[in-house]
Amino acid sequence: MTLVQLRHLISLAQTASFSRSAEAMFLTQPALSRSIKALEEELGEPLFDRVGRRSTLTTFGRDVVQRARHLVFEADELAASGSEMRAGRSGTVRIGMGSGPGAMLMTPLLNLMATRHPTIHVEIARGDTDRLTQALRNRELDALVVDARSVKPAPDLRVTSSIEMRGAVMCRPKHPLTRWRGALRFDALLQYPIASTPLSDEVARALVERYGPQAHPSTCVTLRCEEIPSLVDVVRRSDAILIAIRAAAPELVELVLKPAISATARFGIVTLAGRAEAPTLPIVRKLVEQLMHD
């Protein structure tokens, strides 16, 4: 039994004429007859009584047509919902965001959905990469936007849209270190609280190579938080120093160290390999391309 056969049945029930239904459905009359006959054979009961040129529904046929209309309606609604999703007019998108992407993407994404795609349901989860990755594997999230270096390589994960962003050491305007004369060494930063989100092992390695063991985040960072906006607010109101991607805090002053800091963050979109992506995910991809850059 197919939807095509059910559509043939419904049409014939409406017209009571094989010739008119065949014409309306762009079929030959023999083809329509074969379709109805095959359906009757599968169901084991006649659907129509042939009275002259008219074909009237049997009692069984009336019950089948009623149920067929419901099935065809649901199938049409399902097809329409797929089209609506692909067009960005309906559906749900569930995104997990790390600290850096969250600072740059969360508010713009919510604004975009509220103004351009108001019928799409949006869910954003925040947290560390391990917890978000587990939620992705549990099918609780559709995709992650996180520091790709913090994602443990695994065959079931796919990382795309990889973007590198420059890290920096920053402080508020008029911070005492902005008046520092001569080369600014990392030692000078240790006079003040240092704030940071959890940093990847690669960034930690780069800091230690540049400035020695004292620069390891586990040693020098005194204010650690997943939320960059909260750290930026603290740094703006105090003498704390922030280590983060430069683009996340454009209102802060960048401190130029010697040797220069060379750490970068590599952000990417993580999905489950071999799994069809959410139809609304291209909206997120486009926003990542527009906003995640230095």
C-alpha atoms as a PDB file:
ATOM      1  CA  MET A   1       0.000   0.000   0.000  1.00  0.00           C
ATOM      2  CA  THR A   2       1.372   3.403  -0.988  1.00  0.00           C
ATOM      3  CA  LEU A   3       0.354   7.022  -0.576  1.00  0.00           C
ATOM      4  CA  VAL A   4      -0.071   7.151  -4.345  1.00  0.00           C
ATOM      5  CA  GLN A   5      -2.664   4.371  -4.182  1.00  0.00           C
ATOM      6  CA  LEU A   6      -4.468   6.161  -1.344  1.00  0.00           C
ATOM      7  CA  ARG A   7      -4.575   9.366  -3.391  1.00  0.00           C
ATOM      8  CA  HIS A   8      -6.056   7.384  -6.301  1.00  0.00           C
ATOM      9  CA  LEU A   9      -8.663   5.955  -3.937  1.00  0.00           C
ATOM     10  CA  ILE A  10      -9.644   9.379  -2.585  1.00  0.00           C
ATOM     11  CA  SER A  11      -9.927  10.866  -6.063  1.00  0.00           C
ATOM     12  CA  LEU A  12     -12.121   8.033  -7.313  1.00  0.00           C
ATOM     13  CA  ALA A  13     -14.330   8.299  -4.239  1.00  0.00           C
ATOM     14  CA  GLN A  14     -14.867  11.977  -5.048  1.00  0.00           C
ATOM     15  CA  THR A  15     -15.617  11.593  -8.773  1.00  0.00           C
ATOM     16  CA  ALA A  16     -17.175   8.115  -8.837  1.00  0.00           C
ATOM     17  CA  SER A  17     -15.655   7.931 -12.335  1.00  0.00           C
ATOM     18  CA  PHE A  18     -12.480   6.174 -13.439  1.00  0.00           C
ATOM     19  CA  SER A  19     -12.223   8.343 -16.533  1.00  0.00           C
ATOM     20  CA  ARG A  20     -12.586  11.673 -14.684  1.00  0.00           C
ATOM     21  CA  SER A  21     -10.171  10.643 -11.902  1.00  0.00           C
ATOM     22  CA  ALA A  22      -7.621   9.371 -14.409  1.00  0.00           C
ATOM     23  CA  GLU A  23      -7.801  12.659 -16.287  1.00  0.00           C
ATOM     24  CA  ALA A  24      -7.520  14.735 -13.093  1.00  0.00           C
ATOM     25  CA  MET A  25      -4.492  12.766 -11.926  1.00  0.00           C
ATOM     26  CA  PHE A  26      -2.810  12.658 -15.367  1.00  0.00           C
ATOM     27  CA  LEU A  27      -3.085   8.880 -15.577  1.00  0.00           C
ATOM     28  CA  THR A  28      -4.410   6.474 -18.132  1.00  0.00           C
ATOM     29  CA  GLN A  29      -7.633   4.778 -17.109  1.00  0.00           C
ATOM     30  CA  PRO A  30      -6.050   1.285 -17.167  1.00  0.00           C
ATOM     31  CA  ALA A  31      -3.265   2.506 -14.853  1.00  0.00           C
ATOM     32  CA  LEU A  32      -5.807   3.843 -12.363  1.00  0.00           C
ATOM     33  CA  SER A  33      -7.787   0.613 -12.553  1.00  0.00           C
ATOM     34  CA  ARG A  34      -4.674  -1.444 -11.829  1.00  0.00           C
ATOM     35  CA  SER A  35      -3.839   0.774  -8.834  1.00  0.00           C
ATOM     36  CA  ILE A  36      -7.308   0.392  -7.284  1.00  0.00           C
ATOM     37  CA  LYS A  37      -7.392  -3.344  -8.006  1.00  0.00           C
ATOM     38  CA  ALA A  38      -3.991  -3.838  -6.347  1.00  0.00           C
ATOM     39  CA  LEU A  39      -5.213  -1.956  -3.297  1.00  0.00           C
ATOM     40  CA  GLU A  40      -8.379  -4.059  -3.094  1.00  0.00           C
ATOM     41  CA  GLU A  41      -6.335  -7.248  -3.364  1.00  0.00           C
ATOM     42  CA  GLU A  42      -3.994  -6.116  -0.592  1.00  0.00           C
ATOM     43  CA  LEU A  43      -6.880  -5.179   1.709  1.00  0.00           C
ATOM     44  CA  GLY A  44      -8.823  -8.331   0.827  1.00  0.00           C
ATOM     45  CA  GLU A  45     -12.141  -6.565   0.258  1.00  0.00           C
ATOM     46  CA  PRO A  46     -13.739  -4.652  -2.646  1.00  0.00           C
ATOM     47  CA  LEU A  47     -13.675  -0.882  -2.234  1.00  0.00           C
ATOM     48  CA  PHE A  48     -16.150   0.020  -5.003  1.00  0.00           C
ATOM     49  CA  ASP A  49     -19.344  -1.329  -6.493  1.00  0.00           C
ATOM     50  CA  ARG A  50     -19.324  -0.818 -10.266  1.00  0.00           C
ATOM     51  CA  VAL A  51     -22.821   0.290 -11.268  1.00  0.00           C
ATOM     52  CA  GLY A  52     -22.829   1.132 -14.948  1.00  0.00           C
ATOM     53  CA  ARG A  53     -20.279   3.864 -15.482  1.00  0.00           C
ATOM     54  CA  ARG A  54     -20.353   4.906 -11.821  1.00  0.00           C
ATOM     55  CA  SER A  55     -18.165   3.502  -9.102  1.00  0.00           C
ATOM     56  CA  THR A  56     -19.688   3.840  -5.644  1.00  0.00           C
ATOM     57  CA  LEU A  57     -17.947   3.057  -2.382  1.00  0.00           C
ATOM     58  CA  THR A  58     -18.779  -0.113  -0.530  1.00  0.00           C
ATOM     59  CA  THR A  59     -19.342   0.065   3.225  1.00  0.00           C
ATOM     60  CA  PHE A  60     -15.789  -1.127   3.710  1.00  0.00           C
ATOM     61  CA  GLY A  61     -14.620   1.365   1.101  1.00  0.00           C
ATOM     62  CA  ARG A  62     -16.161   4.320   2.984  1.00  0.00           C
ATOM     63  CA  ASP A  63     -14.244   3.369   6.123  1.00  0.00           C
ATOM     64  CA  VAL A  64     -10.996   2.975   4.167  1.00  0.00           C
ATOM     65  CA  VAL A  65     -11.427   6.359   2.428  1.00  0.00           C
ATOM     66  CA  GLN A  66     -11.975   8.110   5.752  1.00  0.00           C
ATOM     67  CA  ARG A  67      -8.753   6.648   7.140  1.00  0.00           C
ATOM     68  CA  ALA A  68      -6.919   7.253   3.851  1.00  0.00           C
ATOM     69  CA  ARG A  69      -7.807  10.970   3.973  1.00  0.00           C
ATOM     70  CA  HIS A  70      -6.298  11.180   7.452  1.00  0.00           C
ATOM     71  CA  LEU A  71      -3.093   9.415   6.377  1.00  0.00           C
ATOM     72  CA  VAL A  72      -2.660  11.551   3.261  1.00  0.00           C
ATOM     73  CA  PHE A  73      -3.327  14.726   5.242  1.00  0.00           C
ATOM     74  CA  GLU A  74      -0.661  13.781   7.820  1.00  0.00           C
ATOM     75  CA  ALA A  75       1.788  12.917   5.030  1.00  0.00           C
ATOM     76  CA  ASP A  76       1.190  16.278   3.354  1.00  0.00           C
ATOM     77  CA  GLU A  77       1.642  18.078   6.678  1.00  0.00           C
ATOM     78  CA  LEU A  78       4.886  16.197   7.257  1.00  0.00           C
ATOM     79  CA  ALA A  79       6.201  17.157   3.811  1.00  0.00           C
ATOM     80  CA  ALA A  80       5.164  20.766   4.366  1.00  0.00           C
ATOM     81  CA  SER A  81       6.931  20.884   7.722  1.00  0.00           C
ATOM     82  CA  GLY A  82      10.149  19.696   6.052  1.00  0.00           C
ATOM     83  CA  SER A  83       9.879  22.480   3.493  1.00  0.00           C
ATOM     84  CA  GLU A  84       9.204  25.007   6.253  1.00  0.00           C
ATOM     85  CA  MET A  85      12.285  23.837   8.151  1.00  0.00           C
ATOM     86  CA  ARG A  86      14.521  24.027   5.087  1.00  0.00           C
ATOM     87  CA  ALA A  87      13.222  27.541   4.423  1.00  0.00           C
ATOM     88  CA  GLY A  88      14.002  28.592   7.998  1.00  0.00           C
ATOM     89  CA  ARG A  89      10.349  29.148   8.930  1.00  0.00           C
ATOM     90  CA  SER A  90       9.842  26.379  11.503  1.00  0.00           C
ATOM     91  CA  GLY A  91      11.631  23.726  13.521  1.00  0.00           C
ATOM     92  CA  THR A  92      13.956  23.626  16.498  1.00  0.00           C
ATOM     93  CA  VAL A  93      17.668  24.244  16.823  1.00  0.00           C
ATOM     94  CA  ARG A  94      19.533  23.238  20.003  1.00  0.00           C
ATOM     95  CA  ILE A  95      23.063  24.612  20.268  1.00  0.00           C
ATOM     96  CA  GLY A  96      25.722  24.148  22.921  1.00  0.00           C
ATOM     97  CA  MET A  97      28.228  27.004  23.200  1.00  0.00           C
ATOM     98  CA  GLY A  98      31.590  27.271  24.868  1.00  0.00           C
ATOM     99  CA  SER A  99      32.719  30.439  26.631  1.00  0.00           C
ATOM    100  CA  GLY A 100      34.236  32.275  23.653  1.00  0.00           C
ATOM    101  CA  PRO A 101      31.475  31.510  21.147  1.00  0.00           C
ATOM    102  CA  GLY A 102      28.875  32.187  23.807  1.00  0.00           C
ATOM    103  CA  ALA A 103      30.249  35.681  24.369  1.00  0.00           C
ATOM    104  CA  MET A 104      30.180  36.506  20.667  1.00  0.00           C
ATOM    105  CA  LEU A 105      27.230  34.508  19.347  1.00  0.00           C
ATOM    106  CA  MET A 106      24.559  33.964  21.963  1.00  0.00           C
ATOM    107  CA  THR A 107      22.917  37.405  21.986  1.00  0.00           C
ATOM    108  CA  PRO A 108      23.218  37.938  18.184  1.00  0.00           C
ATOM    109  CA  LEU A 109      21.748  34.463  17.562  1.00  0.00           C
ATOM    110  CA  LEU A 110      18.782  35.109  19.858  1.00  0.00           C
ATOM    111  CA  ASN A 111      18.225  38.520  18.245  1.00  0.00           C
ATOM    112  CA  LEU A 112      18.400  36.999  14.756  1.00  0.00           C
ATOM    113  CA  MET A 113      15.897  34.289  15.592  1.00  0.00           C
ATOM    114  CA  ALA A 114      13.518  36.721  17.282  1.00  0.00           C
ATOM    115  CA  THR A 115      13.501  39.118  14.325  1.00  0.00           C
ATOM    116  CA  ARG A 116      14.089  36.969  11.226  1.00  0.00           C
ATOM    117  CA  HIS A 117      12.920  33.481  12.256  1.00  0.00           C
ATOM    118  CA  PRO A 118      10.333  34.013  15.006  1.00  0.00           C
ATOM    119  CA  THR A 119       8.648  30.626  14.507  1.00  0.00           C
ATOM    120  CA  ILE A 120      11.832  28.598  15.098  1.00  0.00           C
ATOM    121  CA  HIS A 121      12.362  27.243  18.605  1.00  0.00           C
ATOM    122  CA  VAL A 122      15.884  28.020  19.869  1.00  0.00           C
ATOM    123  CA  GLU A 123      17.601  26.353  22.811  1.00  0.00           C
ATOM    124  CA  ILE A 124      21.126  27.353  23.886  1.00  0.00           C
ATOM    125  CA  ALA A 125      23.111  25.387  26.449  1.00  0.00           C
ATOM    126  CA  ARG A 126      26.288  26.668  28.083  1.00  0.00           C
ATOM    127  CA  GLY A 127      28.967  24.706  29.878  1.00  0.00           C
ATOM    128  CA  ASP A 128      32.348  23.034  29.552  1.00  0.00           C
ATOM    129  CA  THR A 129      33.166  21.107  26.402  1.00  0.00           C
ATOM    130  CA  ASP A 130      33.016  17.645  27.978  1.00  0.00           C
ATOM    131  CA  ARG A 131      29.510  18.201  29.343  1.00  0.00           C
ATOM    132  CA  LEU A 132      28.272  19.692  26.072  1.00  0.00           C
ATOM    133  CA  THR A 133      29.810  16.850  24.061  1.00  0.00           C
ATOM    134  CA  GLN A 134      27.996  14.300  26.197  1.00  0.00           C
ATOM    135  CA  ALA A 135      24.718  16.162  25.636  1.00  0.00           C
ATOM    136  CA  LEU A 136      25.408  16.060  21.877  1.00  0.00           C
ATOM    137  CA  ARG A 137      25.991  12.305  22.017  1.00  0.00           C
ATOM    138  CA  ASN A 138      22.764  11.911  24.006  1.00  0.00           C
ATOM    139  CA  ARG A 139      20.917  13.720  21.170  1.00  0.00           C
ATOM    140  CA  GLU A 140      19.982  16.516  23.590  1.00  0.00           C
ATOM    141  CA  LEU A 141      21.796  19.031  21.359  1.00  0.00           C
ATOM    142  CA  ASP A 142      22.023  19.340  17.573  1.00  0.00           C
ATOM    143  CA  ALA A 143      25.485  20.933  17.424  1.00  0.00           C
ATOM    144  CA  LEU A 144      28.190  22.613  19.483  1.00  0.00           C
ATOM    145  CA  VAL A 145      30.178  25.781  18.846  1.00  0.00           C
ATOM    146  CA  VAL A 146      33.270  25.340  21.012  1.00  0.00           C
ATOM    147  CA  ASP A 147      37.052  25.531  21.103  1.00  0.00           C
ATOM    148  CA  ALA A 148      37.881  22.675  18.729  1.00  0.00           C
ATOM    149  CA  ARG A 149      41.162  21.993  20.541  1.00  0.00           C
ATOM    150  CA  SER A 150      39.244  21.094  23.689  1.00  0.00           C
ATOM    151  CA  VAL A 151      37.245  18.396  21.857  1.00  0.00           C
ATOM    152  CA  LYS A 152      38.739  14.944  22.336  1.00  0.00           C
ATOM    153  CA  PRO A 153      39.120  13.343  18.860  1.00  0.00           C
ATOM    154  CA  ALA A 154      36.545  10.589  18.349  1.00  0.00           C
ATOM    155  CA  PRO A 155      35.136   8.782  15.296  1.00  0.00           C
ATOM    156  CA  ASP A 156      31.569   9.792  16.167  1.00  0.00           C
ATOM    157  CA  LEU A 157      32.318  13.537  16.153  1.00  0.00           C
ATOM    158  CA  ARG A 158      32.682  15.819  13.140  1.00  0.00           C
ATOM    159  CA  VAL A 159      34.285  19.270  13.443  1.00  0.00           C
ATOM    160  CA  THR A 160      33.659  21.804  10.661  1.00  0.00           C
ATOM    161  CA  SER A 161      33.839  25.575  10.098  1.00  0.00           C
ATOM    162  CA  SER A 162      37.178  25.789  11.920  1.00  0.00           C
ATOM    163  CA  ILE A 163      38.118  29.406  12.715  1.00  0.00           C
ATOM    164  CA  GLU A 164      41.246  30.646  14.495  1.00  0.00           C
ATOM    165  CA  MET A 165      41.019  33.744  16.688  1.00  0.00           C
ATOM    166  CA  ARG A 166      43.845  35.629  18.349  1.00  0.00           C
ATOM    167  CA  GLY A 167      44.315  35.560  22.097  1.00  0.00           C
ATOM    168  CA  ALA A 168      45.362  38.615  24.088  1.00  0.00           C
ATOM    169  CA  VAL A 169      46.056  39.965  27.554  1.00  0.00           C
ATOM    170  CA  MET A 170      43.717  42.846  28.354  1.00  0.00           C
ATOM    171  CA  CYS A 171      42.870  45.320  31.080  1.00  0.00           C
ATOM    172  CA  ARG A 172      40.633  48.323  31.665  1.00  0.00           C
ATOM    173  CA  PRO A 173      41.553  51.741  30.277  1.00  0.00           C
ATOM    174  CA  LYS A 174      43.710  53.714  32.749  1.00  0.00           C
ATOM    175  CA  HIS A 175      44.906  50.508  34.393  1.00  0.00           C
ATOM    176  CA  PRO A 176      48.327  51.017  36.074  1.00  0.00           C
ATOM    177  CA  LEU A 177      49.924  48.686  33.516  1.00  0.00           C
ATOM    178  CA  THR A 178      48.855  50.958  30.639  1.00  0.00           C
ATOM    179  CA  ARG A 179      51.430  53.482  31.983  1.00  0.00           C
ATOM    180  CA  TRP A 180      54.214  50.900  32.173  1.00  0.00           C
ATOM    181  CA  ARG A 181      57.450  52.124  30.669  1.00  0.00           C
ATOM    182  CA  GLY A 182      59.659  49.759  28.770  1.00  0.00           C
ATOM    183  CA  ALA A 183      59.035  46.131  27.863  1.00  0.00           C
ATOM    184  CA  LEU A 184      56.112  44.599  29.731  1.00  0.00           C
ATOM    185  CA  ARG A 185      57.040  41.184  31.085  1.00  0.00           C
ATOM    186  CA  PHE A 186      54.647  38.497  32.230  1.00  0.00           C
ATOM    187  CA  ASP A 187      55.977  38.921  35.780  1.00  0.00           C
ATOM    188  CA  ALA A 188      54.306  42.333  35.907  1.00  0.00           C
ATOM    189  CA  LEU A 189      50.883  40.769  35.392  1.00  0.00           C
ATOM    190  CA  LEU A 190      51.256  38.661  38.525  1.00  0.00           C
ATOM    191  CA  GLN A 191      50.824  41.764  40.687  1.00  0.00           C
ATOM    192  CA  TYR A 192      47.121  41.685  39.792  1.00  0.00           C
ATOM    193  CA  PRO A 193      44.322  39.108  39.709  1.00  0.00           C
ATOM    194  CA  ILE A 194      44.300  37.254  36.394  1.00  0.00           C
ATOM    195  CA  ALA A 195      40.948  36.213  34.946  1.00  0.00           C
ATOM    196  CA  SER A 196      40.304  33.606  32.269  1.00  0.00           C
ATOM    197  CA  THR A 197      37.916  30.983  31.029  1.00  0.00           C
ATOM    198  CA  PRO A 198      39.211  27.369  31.160  1.00  0.00           C
ATOM    199  CA  LEU A 199      41.995  27.268  28.567  1.00  0.00           C
ATOM    200  CA  SER A 200      42.910  24.344  26.330  1.00  0.00           C
ATOM    201  CA  ASP A 201      46.072  22.334  26.938  1.00  0.00           C
ATOM    202  CA  GLU A 202      47.551  23.780  23.732  1.00  0.00           C
ATOM    203  CA  VAL A 203      47.089  27.362  24.948  1.00  0.00           C
ATOM    204  CA  ALA A 204      48.533  26.424  28.346  1.00  0.00           C
ATOM    205  CA  ARG A 205      51.555  24.887  26.601  1.00  0.00           C
ATOM    206  CA  ALA A 206      52.069  28.044  24.510  1.00  0.00           C
ATOM    207  CA  LEU A 207      51.960  30.267  27.610  1.00  0.00           C
ATOM    208  CA  VAL A 208      54.500  28.115  29.459  1.00  0.00           C
ATOM    209  CA  GLU A 209      56.834  28.036  26.443  1.00  0.00           C
ATOM    210  CA  ARG A 210      56.708  31.842  26.206  1.00  0.00           C
ATOM    211  CA  TYR A 211      56.767  32.876  29.854  1.00  0.00           C
ATOM    212  CA  GLY A 212      57.786  29.878  31.930  1.00  0.00           C
ATOM    213  CA  PRO A 213      55.962  27.665  34.474  1.00  0.00           C
ATOM    214  CA  GLN A 214      54.523  30.691  36.275  1.00  0.00           C
ATOM    215  CA  ALA A 215      52.325  31.348  33.219  1.00  0.00           C
ATOM    216  CA  HIS A 216      50.535  28.016  33.392  1.00  0.00           C
ATOM    217  CA  PRO A 217      46.810  28.803  33.848  1.00  0.00           C
ATOM    218  CA  SER A 218      46.534  26.494  36.858  1.00  0.00           C
ATOM    219  CA  THR A 219      49.131  28.678  38.572  1.00  0.00           C
ATOM    220  CA  CYS A 220      48.521  32.229  37.405  1.00  0.00           C
ATOM    221  CA  VAL A 221      44.748  32.379  36.869  1.00  0.00           C
ATOM    222  CA  THR A 222      42.970  33.435  40.048  1.00  0.00           C
ATOM    223  CA  LEU A 223      39.520  34.166  38.555  1.00  0.00           C
ATOM    224  CA  ARG A 224      38.234  31.323  36.381  1.00  0.00           C
ATOM    225  CA  CYS A 225      34.741  31.287  34.917  1.00  0.00           C
ATOM    226  CA  GLU A 226      32.960  29.859  31.841  1.00  0.00           C
ATOM    227  CA  GLU A 227      31.245  33.190  31.137  1.00  0.00           C
ATOM    228  CA  ILE A 228      33.496  35.728  29.396  1.00  0.00           C
ATOM    229  CA  PRO A 229      30.980  38.611  29.763  1.00  0.00           C
ATOM    230  CA  SER A 230      31.144  38.237  33.559  1.00  0.00           C
ATOM    231  CA  LEU A 231      34.955  38.263  33.479  1.00  0.00           C
ATOM    232  CA  VAL A 232      35.003  41.292  31.176  1.00  0.00           C
ATOM    233  CA  ASP A 233      32.706  43.139  33.573  1.00  0.00           C
ATOM    234  CA  VAL A 234      35.002  42.361  36.517  1.00  0.00           C
ATOM    235  CA  VAL A 235      38.079  43.499  34.576  1.00  0.00           C
ATOM    236  CA  ARG A 236      36.351  46.699  33.488  1.00  0.00           C
ATOM    237  CA  ARG A 237      35.586  47.541  37.144  1.00  0.00           C
ATOM    238  CA  SER A 238      38.874  46.483  38.767  1.00  0.00           C
ATOM    239  CA  ASP A 239      42.593  46.062  38.216  1.00  0.00           C
ATOM    240  CA  ALA A 240      42.185  42.419  37.206  1.00  0.00           C
ATOM    241  CA  ILE A 241      43.796  41.244  33.951  1.00  0.00           C
ATOM    242  CA  LEU A 242      41.939  39.176  31.355  1.00  0.00           C
ATOM    243  CA  ILE A 243      43.388  36.435  29.140  1.00  0.00           C
ATOM    244  CA  ALA A 244      40.892  35.709  26.360  1.00  0.00           C
ATOM    245  CA  ILE A 245      40.284  36.034  22.638  1.00  0.00           C
ATOM    246  CA  ARG A 246      40.753  39.674  21.679  1.00  0.00           C
ATOM    247  CA  ALA A 247      37.450  39.966  19.827  1.00  0.00           C
ATOM    248  CA  ALA A 248      35.461  39.038  22.947  1.00  0.00           C
ATOM    249  CA  ALA A 249      36.366  42.281  24.740  1.00  0.00           C
ATOM    250  CA  PRO A 250      36.934  45.111  22.235  1.00  0.00           C
ATOM    251  CA  GLU A 251      36.325  47.764  24.914  1.00  0.00           C
ATOM    252  CA  LEU A 252      39.355  46.628  26.935  1.00  0.00           C
ATOM    253  CA  VAL A 253      42.946  47.723  26.321  1.00  0.00           C
ATOM    254  CA  GLU A 254      45.354  45.140  24.955  1.00  0.00           C
ATOM    255  CA  LEU A 255      48.655  44.865  26.792  1.00  0.00           C
ATOM    256  CA  VAL A 256      51.683  44.209  24.595  1.00  0.00           C
ATOM    257  CA  LEU A 257      53.984  41.699  26.269  1.00  0.00           C
ATOM    258  CA  LYS A 258      57.567  40.884  25.471  1.00  0.00           C
ATOM    259  CA  PRO A 259      57.873  38.305  24.059  1.00  0.00           C
ATOM    260  CA  ALA A 260      54.514  38.750  22.343  1.00  0.00           C
ATOM    261  CA  ILE A 261      51.756  36.314  23.207  1.00  0.00           C
ATOM    262  CA  SER A 262      51.122  33.906  20.331  1.00  0.00           C
ATOM    263  CA  ALA A 263      48.234  31.818  21.636  1.00  0.00           C
ATOM    264  CA  THR A 264      45.112  31.397  19.505  1.00  0.00           C
ATOM    265  CA  ALA A 265      41.785  29.687  19.967  1.00  0.00           C
ATOM    266  CA  ARG A 266      40.397  27.477  17.225  1.00  0.00           C
ATOM    267  CA  PHE A 267      36.623  27.382  17.222  1.00  0.00           C
ATOM    268  CA  GLY A 268      34.506  24.955  15.247  1.00  0.00           C
ATOM    269  CA  ILE A 269      31.014  23.526  14.875  1.00  0.00           C
ATOM    270  CA  VAL A 270      30.803  19.989  16.249  1.00  0.00           C
ATOM    271  CA  THR A 271      28.095  17.565  15.110  1.00  0.00           C
ATOM    272  CA  LEU A 272      27.650  13.809  15.229  1.00  0.00           C
ATOM    273  CA  ALA A 273      29.314  12.056  12.305  1.00  0.00           C
ATOM    274  CA  GLY A 274      26.912  10.167  10.082  1.00  0.00           C
ATOM    275  CA  ARG A 275      23.885  11.954  11.482  1.00  0.00           C
ATOM    276  CA  ALA A 276      21.730  14.276   9.374  1.00  0.00           C
ATOM    277  CA  GLU A 277      22.107  17.860  10.543  1.00  0.00           C
ATOM    278  CA  ALA A 278      19.159  19.885  11.812  1.00  0.00           C
ATOM    279  CA  PRO A 279      17.601  21.747   8.847  1.00  0.00           C
ATOM    280  CA  THR A 280      17.970  25.045  10.733  1.00  0.00           C
ATOM    281  CA  LEU A 281      21.692  24.595  11.484  1.00  0.00           C
ATOM    282  CA  PRO A 282      22.799  26.558   8.348  1.00  0.00           C
ATOM    283  CA  ILE A 283      21.443  29.693  10.056  1.00  0.00           C
ATOM    284  CA  VAL A 284      23.940  29.148  12.883  1.00  0.00           C
ATOM    285  CA  ARG A 285      26.765  28.359  10.452  1.00  0.00           C
ATOM    286  CA  LYS A 286      26.179  31.601   8.577  1.00  0.00           C
ATOM    287  CA  LEU A 287      26.232  33.610  11.812  1.00  0.00           C
ATOM    288  CA  VAL A 288      29.480  31.937  12.893  1.00  0.00           C
ATOM    289  CA  GLU A 289      31.081  32.961   9.587  1.00  0.00           C
ATOM    290  CA  GLN A 290      29.833  36.530   9.969  1.00  0.00           C
ATOM    291  CA  LEU A 291      30.836  37.129  13.595  1.00  0.00           C
ATOM    292  CA  MET A 292      33.635  34.764  14.604  1.00  0.00           C
ATOM    293  CA  HIS A 293      36.659  36.643  13.331  1.00  0.00           C
ATOM    294  CA  ASP A 294      39.230  39.085  14.696  1.00  0.00           C
END
